Amino acid sequence: MPPKRNLVPSSMKKRDVITCVALIIIIVTLYNKYGYVAEYYLNRYLFYSTMALPATHGARNLLLYSNSTMSLTGDHLGYGRPSLKKFLGDFGVKKVLCITYAWPNMRGGRNTGEGNQFFKESAAPAFKKIGLQAEMLDTEASVQDQIDQINSAEAYYVNGGNTFWLTESLQQPGISNALRNKVFTGTPYIGASAGTNATCPTMQTTNDMPNVWPKSSDTLGIIPFQINVHYNEFVPGHGFG
């Protein structure tokens, strides 16, 4: 006699399919709502990479972030702190010059003081947490004084804000050349958001609004390709990071 077969009732098969579909829906829903938590820790400790640039024009040591703050904590440079500490530690840096051109004090002829506030409340504390001192570029000083400050710096942090403001300030006579010359001789450069966009040949991959109109779209040209900062696979309500 032929062996008996264990037949699975069709109702049980349907139940298994429904269970699988329900689990998939739950997992997708949880990921969409809380996936940024995993994203925060994975980006903080794991998902950063290095790239060798052609040494045609000189050495460049760059640490570039798409964004300075992730939505989980609101902590400025929080997720980047492990890589930031390692990067600057390799060069023995003790003090970082924070260039706040993308977050200017002067806006439309009015001094808002927001650049100073950003430096004191966000940038300086971020570097203090890894045992480093931060100094703010005196953006209200003469252009020559700003150039002197750039030339004497151990490392740079060009923060985010508005890329149009940043580009306009970089195009002051001599500023871009001073910064480029230092970076191309190996001085460490940290960029976030607009500060990362500024390392490209142009600012044409910015996602910012044109609050001012620079003379051209040319930026520092430290790297030979464009970066589109803040890019992600967009999920409604998730925001950029």
Protein backbone atom coordinates (compact mmCIF):
# COMPACT_ATOMS: atom_id res chain seq x y z
CA MET A 1 0.00 0.00 0.00
CA PRO A 2 1.26 3.51 -0.71
CA PRO A 3 2.48 5.44 2.36
CA LYS A 4 0.06 7.84 4.00
CA ARG A 5 0.64 11.52 3.34
CA ASN A 6 0.23 14.18 6.02
CA LEU A 7 -2.06 16.64 4.39
CA VAL A 8 -1.99 20.21 5.74
CA PRO A 9 -5.45 21.71 5.86
CA SER A 10 -5.88 24.67 3.52
CA SER A 11 -7.12 26.74 6.46
CA MET A 12 -3.73 26.30 8.17
CA LYS A 13 -1.88 27.39 5.01
CA LYS A 14 -4.03 30.52 4.81
CA ARG A 15 -3.34 31.21 8.49
CA ASP A 16 0.42 30.95 7.93
CA VAL A 17 0.26 33.34 4.99
CA ILE A 18 -1.82 35.82 6.98
CA THR A 19 0.64 35.57 9.89
CA CYS A 20 3.62 36.22 7.59
CA VAL A 21 1.93 39.19 5.97
CA ALA A 22 1.00 40.61 9.37
CA LEU A 23 4.60 40.23 10.60
CA ILE A 24 5.95 41.98 7.50
CA ILE A 25 3.51 44.86 7.99
CA ILE A 26 4.50 45.18 11.67
CA ILE A 27 8.24 45.11 10.86
CA VAL A 28 7.89 47.74 8.09
CA THR A 29 5.75 49.95 10.33
CA LEU A 30 8.23 49.72 13.21
CA TYR A 31 11.16 50.42 10.88
CA ASN A 32 9.49 53.48 9.37
CA LYS A 33 8.70 54.81 12.83
CA TYR A 34 11.82 53.83 14.78
CA GLY A 35 14.42 52.95 12.13
CA TYR A 36 16.30 56.17 12.83
CA VAL A 37 17.37 54.73 16.20
CA ALA A 38 19.27 51.91 14.50
CA GLU A 39 20.48 54.39 11.88
CA TYR A 40 21.94 56.61 14.60
CA TYR A 41 24.02 53.87 16.24
CA LEU A 42 25.07 52.22 12.99
CA ASN A 43 26.28 55.57 11.63
CA ARG A 44 27.96 56.46 14.90
CA TYR A 45 30.06 53.33 15.24
CA LEU A 46 30.09 51.45 11.94
CA PHE A 47 29.02 53.05 8.70
CA TYR A 48 31.73 55.51 7.88
CA SER A 49 34.31 54.83 5.22
CA THR A 50 37.56 56.18 3.86
CA MET A 51 38.52 57.14 0.34
CA ALA A 52 41.93 57.85 -1.17
CA LEU A 53 42.04 60.96 -3.35
CA PRO A 54 44.60 61.42 -6.14
CA ALA A 55 47.62 63.21 -4.71
CA THR A 56 48.16 65.29 -7.87
CA HIS A 57 47.89 68.63 -6.09
CA GLY A 58 48.88 67.64 -2.57
CA ALA A 59 47.72 65.78 0.51
CA ARG A 60 44.16 66.30 1.75
CA ASN A 61 42.85 65.06 5.05
CA LEU A 62 39.07 65.45 5.08
CA LEU A 63 36.28 64.23 7.34
CA LEU A 64 32.98 65.00 5.64
CA TYR A 65 29.53 64.56 7.17
CA SER A 66 26.27 64.89 5.29
CA ASN A 67 24.62 66.35 8.36
CA SER A 68 25.85 67.53 11.76
CA THR A 69 22.86 66.46 13.84
CA MET A 70 20.62 63.39 13.76
CA SER A 71 17.03 63.57 14.93
CA LEU A 72 17.41 60.93 17.66
CA THR A 73 19.35 63.12 20.08
CA GLY A 74 19.69 66.60 18.57
CA ASP A 75 23.30 66.42 19.80
CA HIS A 76 25.58 68.44 17.50
CA LEU A 77 28.14 66.10 15.90
CA GLY A 78 26.97 63.45 18.36
CA TYR A 79 26.87 60.51 15.98
CA GLY A 80 30.16 61.59 14.41
CA ARG A 81 32.08 61.97 17.65
CA PRO A 82 33.93 58.59 17.54
CA SER A 83 35.18 59.20 13.99
CA LEU A 84 35.87 62.87 14.78
CA LYS A 85 38.03 61.98 17.79
CA LYS A 86 39.99 59.38 15.84
CA PHE A 87 40.47 61.64 12.83
CA LEU A 88 41.84 64.62 14.77
CA GLY A 89 43.76 62.43 17.19
CA ASP A 90 45.87 61.09 14.33
CA PHE A 91 47.16 64.64 13.72
CA GLY A 92 47.65 65.68 17.35
CA VAL A 93 45.20 68.57 16.96
CA LYS A 94 44.45 70.54 20.15
CA LYS A 95 42.39 73.43 18.76
CA VAL A 96 39.93 73.57 15.86
CA LEU A 97 38.98 76.74 13.99
CA CYS A 98 35.21 76.85 13.47
CA ILE A 99 34.29 78.73 10.30
CA THR A 100 30.67 79.82 10.67
CA TYR A 101 30.18 81.46 7.26
CA ALA A 102 27.11 79.30 6.65
CA TRP A 103 25.54 80.66 9.84
CA PRO A 104 26.44 84.35 9.77
CA ASN A 105 25.84 86.94 12.46
CA MET A 106 25.10 89.59 9.86
CA ARG A 107 21.90 88.94 7.92
CA GLY A 108 20.53 91.59 5.62
CA GLY A 109 22.50 94.32 7.37
CA ARG A 110 21.25 93.27 10.82
CA ASN A 111 23.44 91.60 13.45
CA THR A 112 21.43 88.66 14.80
CA GLY A 113 24.31 87.17 16.80
CA GLU A 114 23.14 83.72 15.71
CA GLY A 115 26.59 82.70 14.50
CA ASN A 116 28.06 83.37 17.95
CA GLN A 117 25.16 81.57 19.58
CA PHE A 118 25.62 78.51 17.35
CA PHE A 119 29.33 78.39 18.17
CA LYS A 120 28.85 78.70 21.93
CA GLU A 121 25.87 76.36 22.24
CA SER A 122 26.65 73.73 19.60
CA ALA A 123 30.13 73.71 18.04
CA ALA A 124 32.36 74.49 21.04
CA PRO A 125 30.62 71.97 23.37
CA ALA A 126 30.85 69.26 20.69
CA PHE A 127 34.63 69.54 20.50
CA LYS A 128 34.97 69.94 24.27
CA LYS A 129 33.35 66.50 24.68
CA ILE A 130 36.31 64.95 22.89
CA GLY A 131 38.86 67.02 24.81
CA LEU A 132 39.52 69.68 22.17
CA GLN A 133 39.28 73.45 22.21
CA ALA A 134 37.32 75.27 19.51
CA GLU A 135 37.98 78.80 18.30
CA MET A 136 35.54 80.78 16.19
CA LEU A 137 36.72 82.61 13.10
CA ASP A 138 36.14 86.33 13.62
CA THR A 139 33.85 86.82 10.63
CA GLU A 140 33.36 90.50 11.48
CA ALA A 141 37.11 91.23 11.29
CA SER A 142 38.86 92.48 8.17
CA VAL A 143 39.40 89.96 5.39
CA GLN A 144 43.15 90.03 6.02
CA ASP A 145 42.63 89.27 9.73
CA GLN A 146 40.40 86.35 8.76
CA ILE A 147 43.07 85.07 6.38
CA ASP A 148 45.70 85.34 9.14
CA GLN A 149 43.46 83.35 11.47
CA ILE A 150 42.91 80.69 8.79
CA ASN A 151 46.66 80.46 8.10
CA SER A 152 47.49 79.87 11.76
CA ALA A 153 44.85 77.19 12.44
CA GLU A 154 45.64 73.55 13.26
CA ALA A 155 42.37 72.23 11.79
CA TYR A 156 39.07 73.52 10.41
CA TYR A 157 35.43 72.81 11.06
CA VAL A 158 33.15 74.32 8.42
CA ASN A 159 29.67 73.78 9.77
CA GLY A 160 26.31 73.57 8.09
CA GLY A 161 23.76 76.28 7.58
CA ASN A 162 23.12 77.88 4.22
CA THR A 163 25.46 77.06 1.32
CA PHE A 164 24.71 80.36 -0.43
CA TRP A 165 25.85 82.36 2.62
CA LEU A 166 28.91 80.12 2.91
CA THR A 167 29.85 80.46 -0.75
CA GLU A 168 29.47 84.24 -0.71
CA SER A 169 31.84 84.49 2.26
CA LEU A 170 34.38 82.07 0.77
CA GLN A 171 34.49 84.28 -2.31
CA GLN A 172 35.85 87.23 -0.35
CA PRO A 173 39.27 88.08 -1.88
CA GLY A 174 41.90 85.61 -0.67
CA ILE A 175 39.71 83.54 1.66
CA SER A 176 39.28 80.47 -0.57
CA ASN A 177 42.93 80.49 -1.60
CA ALA A 178 44.10 80.64 2.02
CA LEU A 179 41.85 77.76 3.04
CA ARG A 180 42.68 75.67 -0.03
CA ASN A 181 46.42 76.17 0.39
CA LYS A 182 46.29 74.95 3.97
CA VAL A 183 44.06 71.97 3.18
CA PHE A 184 46.25 70.93 0.24
CA THR A 185 49.27 70.87 2.55
CA GLY A 186 47.51 68.43 4.86
CA THR A 187 45.73 70.59 7.45
CA PRO A 188 42.66 68.56 8.59
CA TYR A 189 39.30 69.80 7.34
CA ILE A 190 35.95 68.75 8.83
CA GLY A 191 32.81 69.63 6.92
CA ALA A 192 29.16 69.08 7.70
CA SER A 193 26.23 69.76 5.39
CA ALA A 194 27.05 73.07 3.68
CA GLY A 195 30.65 72.68 4.86
CA THR A 196 30.83 69.39 2.95
CA ASN A 197 29.17 70.87 -0.11
CA ALA A 198 31.84 73.61 -0.09
CA THR A 199 34.62 71.08 -0.71
CA CYS A 200 33.11 70.28 -4.14
CA PRO A 201 34.04 72.09 -7.35
CA THR A 202 30.74 74.01 -7.18
CA MET A 203 27.80 74.48 -4.83
CA GLN A 204 25.37 73.26 -7.49
CA THR A 205 24.34 70.19 -5.50
CA THR A 206 23.09 72.23 -2.56
CA ASN A 207 19.52 71.78 -1.32
CA ASP A 208 19.44 75.22 0.33
CA MET A 209 17.41 78.30 -0.48
CA PRO A 210 19.22 81.25 -2.15
CA ASN A 211 19.19 83.77 0.71
CA VAL A 212 22.00 85.62 -1.07
CA TRP A 213 23.43 85.36 -4.57
CA PRO A 214 27.22 84.76 -4.77
CA LYS A 215 29.30 85.99 -7.70
CA SER A 216 29.48 82.42 -9.01
CA SER A 217 28.72 78.87 -7.92
CA ASP A 218 32.42 78.05 -7.51
CA THR A 219 33.43 76.67 -4.12
CA LEU A 220 36.72 75.29 -2.79
CA GLY A 221 37.26 72.48 -5.31
CA ILE A 222 39.14 70.41 -2.74
CA ILE A 223 37.59 67.20 -4.07
CA PRO A 224 37.11 66.49 -7.80
CA PHE A 225 33.43 65.49 -7.63
CA GLN A 226 30.09 66.72 -6.35
CA ILE A 227 28.32 65.58 -3.16
CA ASN A 228 24.60 65.92 -2.56
CA VAL A 229 24.38 66.30 1.21
CA HIS A 230 21.28 65.26 3.19
CA TYR A 231 20.39 62.64 0.60
CA ASN A 232 18.36 59.63 1.77
CA GLU A 233 15.73 57.24 0.49
CA PHE A 234 12.91 59.58 1.42
CA VAL A 235 10.29 58.34 3.84
CA PRO A 236 7.52 60.84 4.71
CA GLY A 237 8.04 62.18 8.21
CA HIS A 238 11.55 60.79 8.53
CA GLY A 239 13.40 63.97 7.67
CA PHE A 240 16.89 64.36 6.27
CA GLY A 241 20.04 63.16 8.02
